[in-house]
């Protein structure tokens, strides 16, 4: 017998994000989660995060707010972005222990 796995892949992009929220909200409301693997691309990562924590309140409003330029503004702030990425987002102890 084969050991098959099922993946939920959520794509990114403006209108696709709206569509994805509709699909994942329906999945949540119907308690549908047969997936073994979860993959999000671009805005699909945000949609997938809300799905995984089973959040359906105001998802469209959240997506539209997140799309605003002042929500996360790293324009012309590459050094700050890189500092935050390397100092706050990467768990260096985990990386070292898995080398």
Protein backbone atom coordinates (compact mmCIF):
# COMPACT_ATOMS: atom_id res chain seq x y z
CA UNK A 1 0.00 0.00 0.00
CA UNK A 2 1.31 3.42 -0.95
CA UNK A 3 1.83 6.12 1.64
CA UNK A 4 0.19 9.06 -0.16
CA UNK A 5 0.21 12.56 1.26
CA UNK A 6 -2.13 15.40 0.43
CA UNK A 7 -0.97 19.01 0.19
CA UNK A 8 -2.80 22.31 0.42
CA UNK A 9 -0.99 24.83 -1.79
CA UNK A 10 -2.19 28.42 -1.52
CA UNK A 11 -0.95 30.80 -4.19
CA UNK A 12 -0.34 34.50 -3.82
CA UNK A 13 -1.43 37.58 -5.69
CA UNK A 14 -4.14 40.16 -5.03
CA UNK A 15 -7.32 38.67 -6.48
CA UNK A 16 -6.12 35.11 -5.91
CA UNK A 17 -5.71 35.97 -2.21
CA UNK A 18 -9.34 37.01 -2.01
CA UNK A 19 -10.37 33.77 -3.70
CA UNK A 20 -8.07 31.74 -1.41
CA UNK A 21 -9.59 33.32 1.71
CA UNK A 22 -13.03 32.28 0.47
CA UNK A 23 -11.89 28.70 -0.05
CA UNK A 24 -10.01 28.37 3.25
CA UNK A 25 -12.86 30.04 5.18
CA UNK A 26 -15.22 27.44 3.72
CA UNK A 27 -12.79 24.66 4.67
CA UNK A 28 -12.73 25.98 8.26
CA UNK A 29 -16.51 26.29 8.49
CA UNK A 30 -16.92 22.72 7.23
CA UNK A 31 -14.11 21.39 9.41
CA UNK A 32 -12.30 20.17 6.29
CA UNK A 33 -8.60 19.48 6.76
CA UNK A 34 -7.40 16.24 5.15
CA UNK A 35 -3.98 17.74 4.39
CA UNK A 36 -0.58 16.44 5.46
CA UNK A 37 1.51 19.24 3.94
CA UNK A 38 0.84 23.00 3.77
CA UNK A 39 2.57 25.29 1.26
CA UNK A 40 1.94 29.01 0.84
CA UNK A 41 3.38 31.27 -1.86
CA UNK A 42 3.59 35.05 -1.41
CA UNK A 43 0.25 36.28 0.00
CA UNK A 44 -0.81 32.64 0.17
CA UNK A 45 1.40 32.33 3.26
CA UNK A 46 -0.82 34.81 5.11
CA UNK A 47 -3.97 33.05 3.94
CA UNK A 48 -2.51 29.71 5.00
CA UNK A 49 -1.56 31.03 8.45
CA UNK A 50 -5.15 32.13 9.10
CA UNK A 51 -6.36 28.73 7.89
CA UNK A 52 -3.98 26.84 10.18
CA UNK A 53 -5.13 28.76 13.26
CA UNK A 54 -8.76 28.41 12.11
CA UNK A 55 -9.41 32.16 11.93
CA UNK A 56 -12.26 33.36 9.71
CA UNK A 57 -13.20 36.74 11.19
CA UNK A 58 -12.70 39.66 8.80
CA UNK A 59 -10.19 37.86 6.57
CA UNK A 60 -10.89 40.06 3.55
CA UNK A 61 -10.37 43.20 5.64
CA UNK A 62 -7.11 41.76 7.02
CA UNK A 63 -5.83 41.03 3.52
CA UNK A 64 -6.72 44.50 2.24
CA UNK A 65 -5.06 46.12 5.28
CA UNK A 66 -1.92 44.01 4.78
CA UNK A 67 -1.78 45.13 1.14
CA UNK A 68 -1.50 48.79 2.12
CA UNK A 69 1.91 50.30 1.69
CA UNK A 70 2.17 51.51 5.27
CA UNK A 71 1.40 48.13 6.85
CA UNK A 72 4.88 46.80 6.22
CA UNK A 73 7.10 49.39 4.64
CA UNK A 74 10.67 48.39 3.95
CA UNK A 75 10.98 50.50 0.82
CA UNK A 76 14.48 51.94 0.72
CA UNK A 77 15.21 50.32 4.08
CA UNK A 78 17.10 47.26 2.90
CA UNK A 79 19.70 47.48 5.70
CA UNK A 80 16.95 47.55 8.34
CA UNK A 81 15.16 44.65 6.65
CA UNK A 82 18.34 42.58 6.53
CA UNK A 83 19.17 43.36 10.16
CA UNK A 84 15.70 42.27 11.27
CA UNK A 85 15.85 39.17 9.08
CA UNK A 86 19.24 37.97 10.30
CA UNK A 87 18.95 39.07 13.93
CA UNK A 88 15.29 38.39 14.71
CA UNK A 89 13.86 35.87 12.26
CA UNK A 90 16.55 33.24 11.94
CA UNK A 91 17.04 30.85 14.83
CA UNK A 92 20.81 30.54 14.59
CA UNK A 93 21.02 27.93 17.36
CA UNK A 94 18.68 25.69 15.36
CA UNK A 95 20.71 26.24 12.21
CA UNK A 96 23.98 25.42 13.98
CA UNK A 97 22.55 22.30 15.59
CA UNK A 98 21.45 20.99 12.18
CA UNK A 99 24.68 21.54 10.25
